[in-house]
Amino acid sequence: MCPFFAKWRQAFLVILSILAGVRTIHASEVDALTISRNIQQLHMLYGTVMDPVFASSDPASPGYSEVRGYTRAGDSAIWTGHYLAAEAFRYQVTRSPDALANAWKALEGIHSLLDVTGSDVLARCLIPVNSPYAAAIQQKPAMGSTTTHWEASLTSGSAIRQGISIPASYSV
């Protein structure tokens, strides 16, 4: 077979595969609203996004939506910045008051991550020490006071992502 036809056939199959896939990939406003509600209800424990640990991973189990704890709290600043950007973009497109309220709530969460350090350093997470989830989160080395616990050691990647998320949200 001629090399030209072999490459043309391969390119045609790639384009056909992409077009077939595009037809089945779609997201709706309902999907976006469901995700936003899920984040607000399960992930925004103390104003910033944290990863919940559920009692069960089986959708048929009654413990499927029961939060037992939170993990990966050290990424709270990063994910809150991403959530802020997402809600700001949603507000720009839909002018939804809920999107604006969610964006403000996320911005307040990021502000609390700055306030808790007392030095304008962005904390990675913030959780009251009397929280039922505090013990598991505090297993990592961290700094804090008698009322809050926060983690430092912000990575350069975190700072860069916050540097992108917050200005992008502000411009919207």
Protein backbone atom coordinates (compact mmCIF):
# COMPACT_ATOMS: atom_id res chain seq x y z
CA MET A 1 0.00 0.00 0.00
CA CYS A 2 1.23 3.47 -0.85
CA PRO A 3 2.50 5.42 2.22
CA PHE A 4 0.22 8.36 1.33
CA PHE A 5 -2.90 6.20 1.51
CA ALA A 6 -1.78 4.54 4.76
CA LYS A 7 -1.36 7.93 6.43
CA TRP A 8 -4.61 9.25 4.94
CA ARG A 9 -6.48 6.19 6.19
CA GLN A 10 -4.96 6.57 9.67
CA ALA A 11 -5.86 10.28 9.76
CA PHE A 12 -9.39 9.49 8.60
CA LEU A 13 -9.84 6.91 11.38
CA VAL A 14 -8.55 9.36 14.00
CA ILE A 15 -10.92 12.10 12.81
CA LEU A 16 -13.82 9.65 12.67
CA SER A 17 -13.06 8.47 16.22
CA ILE A 18 -12.94 12.04 17.49
CA LEU A 19 -16.22 12.95 15.81
CA ALA A 20 -17.93 9.84 17.15
CA GLY A 21 -16.69 10.65 20.65
CA VAL A 22 -17.73 14.31 20.50
CA ARG A 23 -21.27 13.27 19.78
CA THR A 24 -21.52 11.31 23.04
CA ILE A 25 -19.67 13.77 25.29
CA HIS A 26 -21.90 16.45 26.71
CA ALA A 27 -22.52 18.20 29.95
CA SER A 28 -25.62 20.04 30.91
CA GLU A 29 -26.43 22.90 33.19
CA VAL A 30 -28.16 20.36 35.42
CA ASP A 31 -24.88 18.44 35.73
CA ALA A 32 -22.99 21.63 36.61
CA LEU A 33 -25.56 22.64 39.22
CA THR A 34 -25.50 19.15 40.76
CA ILE A 35 -21.71 19.28 41.04
CA SER A 36 -21.83 22.76 42.58
CA ARG A 37 -24.44 21.68 45.15
CA ASN A 38 -22.35 18.61 45.96
CA ILE A 39 -19.27 20.78 46.56
CA GLN A 40 -21.25 23.16 48.77
CA GLN A 41 -22.87 20.37 50.82
CA LEU A 42 -19.98 17.94 51.22
CA HIS A 43 -16.69 19.67 50.46
CA MET A 44 -16.94 23.24 51.85
CA LEU A 45 -16.81 22.23 55.50
CA TYR A 46 -15.23 25.39 56.91
CA GLY A 47 -15.34 27.69 53.89
CA THR A 48 -12.65 25.93 51.87
CA VAL A 49 -12.77 22.83 49.69
CA MET A 50 -11.71 19.60 51.40
CA ASP A 51 -11.98 15.96 50.32
CA PRO A 52 -14.58 13.98 52.30
CA VAL A 53 -14.11 10.34 53.33
CA PHE A 54 -17.40 8.44 53.19
CA ALA A 55 -18.56 5.55 55.36
CA SER A 56 -19.03 3.38 52.26
CA SER A 57 -18.06 3.43 48.62
CA ASP A 58 -21.03 1.25 47.68
CA PRO A 59 -23.82 3.39 46.10
CA ALA A 60 -26.44 0.95 47.45
CA SER A 61 -25.21 1.39 51.03
CA PRO A 62 -26.88 3.83 53.42
CA GLY A 63 -23.38 5.04 54.37
CA TYR A 64 -22.63 6.08 50.79
CA SER A 65 -23.26 9.77 51.53
CA GLU A 66 -22.27 9.69 55.22
CA VAL A 67 -19.09 11.71 55.79
CA ARG A 68 -16.72 10.00 58.23
CA GLY A 69 -13.84 12.41 57.90
CA TYR A 70 -11.82 14.56 55.55
CA THR A 71 -8.52 13.90 53.86
CA ARG A 72 -6.01 15.69 51.66
CA ALA A 73 -6.78 18.93 53.47
CA GLY A 74 -3.35 20.24 52.49
CA ASP A 75 -4.74 20.88 49.01
CA SER A 76 -7.64 22.95 50.33
CA ALA A 77 -6.20 26.27 49.13
CA ILE A 78 -5.64 24.95 45.62
CA TRP A 79 -9.09 23.43 45.19
CA THR A 80 -10.83 26.42 46.73
CA GLY A 81 -9.11 28.64 44.16
CA HIS A 82 -10.24 26.36 41.35
CA TYR A 83 -13.78 26.32 42.72
CA LEU A 84 -13.74 30.12 42.94
CA ALA A 85 -12.72 30.32 39.29
CA ALA A 86 -15.41 27.83 38.24
CA GLU A 87 -18.18 29.72 40.05
CA ALA A 88 -16.94 33.05 38.69
CA PHE A 89 -17.02 31.66 35.15
CA ARG A 90 -20.49 30.22 35.77
CA TYR A 91 -21.66 33.61 37.00
CA GLN A 92 -20.21 35.32 33.92
CA VAL A 93 -22.17 32.98 31.65
CA THR A 94 -25.44 32.63 33.57
CA ARG A 95 -25.60 35.68 35.87
CA SER A 96 -26.88 33.24 38.50
CA PRO A 97 -27.10 34.78 41.99
CA ASP A 98 -26.18 31.35 43.41
CA ALA A 99 -22.96 31.31 41.37
CA LEU A 100 -22.07 34.78 42.63
CA ALA A 101 -22.83 33.79 46.24
CA ASN A 102 -20.71 30.64 45.87
CA ALA A 103 -17.83 32.65 44.38
CA TRP A 104 -17.97 35.10 47.30
CA LYS A 105 -18.07 32.21 49.77
CA ALA A 106 -14.96 30.68 48.18
CA LEU A 107 -13.20 34.06 48.17
CA GLU A 108 -14.02 34.46 51.87
CA GLY A 109 -12.55 30.98 52.43
CA ILE A 110 -9.32 31.98 50.71
CA HIS A 111 -9.29 35.18 52.75
CA SER A 112 -9.58 33.09 55.93
CA LEU A 113 -6.57 31.05 54.75
CA LEU A 114 -4.62 34.32 54.67
CA ASP A 115 -5.99 35.67 57.97
CA VAL A 116 -5.31 32.55 60.04
CA THR A 117 -1.55 32.71 59.53
CA GLY A 118 -1.32 36.25 60.85
CA SER A 119 1.39 37.01 58.32
CA ASP A 120 -0.35 37.16 54.92
CA VAL A 121 1.05 33.72 54.11
CA LEU A 122 -1.56 31.50 52.49
CA ALA A 123 -2.32 28.48 54.68
CA ARG A 124 -2.96 25.20 52.90
CA CYS A 125 -6.01 24.43 55.04
CA LEU A 126 -7.97 25.72 58.00
CA ILE A 127 -10.02 23.71 60.47
CA PRO A 128 -11.21 24.51 64.01
CA VAL A 129 -9.32 22.44 66.56
CA ASN A 130 -12.62 21.39 68.16
CA SER A 131 -13.87 19.97 64.85
CA PRO A 132 -14.72 16.25 64.97
CA TYR A 133 -12.47 15.87 61.91
CA ALA A 134 -9.49 17.80 63.31
CA ALA A 135 -7.58 14.86 64.79
CA ALA A 136 -7.20 13.05 61.47
CA ILE A 137 -6.22 16.22 59.64
CA GLN A 138 -3.76 17.28 62.35
CA GLN A 139 -1.69 14.12 61.96
CA LYS A 140 0.58 16.12 59.66
CA PRO A 141 3.05 18.67 61.06
CA ALA A 142 1.31 22.03 61.20
CA MET A 143 1.02 25.32 62.99
CA GLY A 144 -1.96 26.71 64.82
CA SER A 145 -3.51 28.37 67.81
CA THR A 146 -5.95 27.29 70.47
CA THR A 147 -8.95 27.79 68.19
CA THR A 148 -7.77 26.87 64.69
CA HIS A 149 -5.34 24.55 62.99
CA TRP A 150 -3.66 25.46 59.74
CA GLU A 151 -1.00 23.93 57.54
CA ALA A 152 1.81 25.85 55.94
CA SER A 153 4.40 24.72 53.40
CA LEU A 154 2.60 26.16 50.41
CA THR A 155 4.30 24.78 47.34
CA SER A 156 5.30 26.95 44.41
CA GLY A 157 2.73 25.07 42.31
CA SER A 158 0.00 26.03 44.78
CA ALA A 159 1.03 29.64 44.71
CA ILE A 160 1.10 29.64 40.91
CA ARG A 161 -2.35 28.04 40.69
CA GLN A 162 -3.75 30.57 43.20
CA GLY A 163 -2.03 33.27 41.18
CA ILE A 164 -3.97 32.08 38.13
CA SER A 165 -7.34 31.23 39.74
CA ILE A 166 -7.93 34.38 41.73
CA PRO A 167 -7.06 36.94 39.00
CA ALA A 168 -9.06 34.91 36.45
CA SER A 169 -12.04 34.98 38.80
CA TYR A 170 -11.58 38.70 39.42
CA SER A 171 -11.56 39.48 35.70
CA VAL A 172 -14.87 37.67 35.25
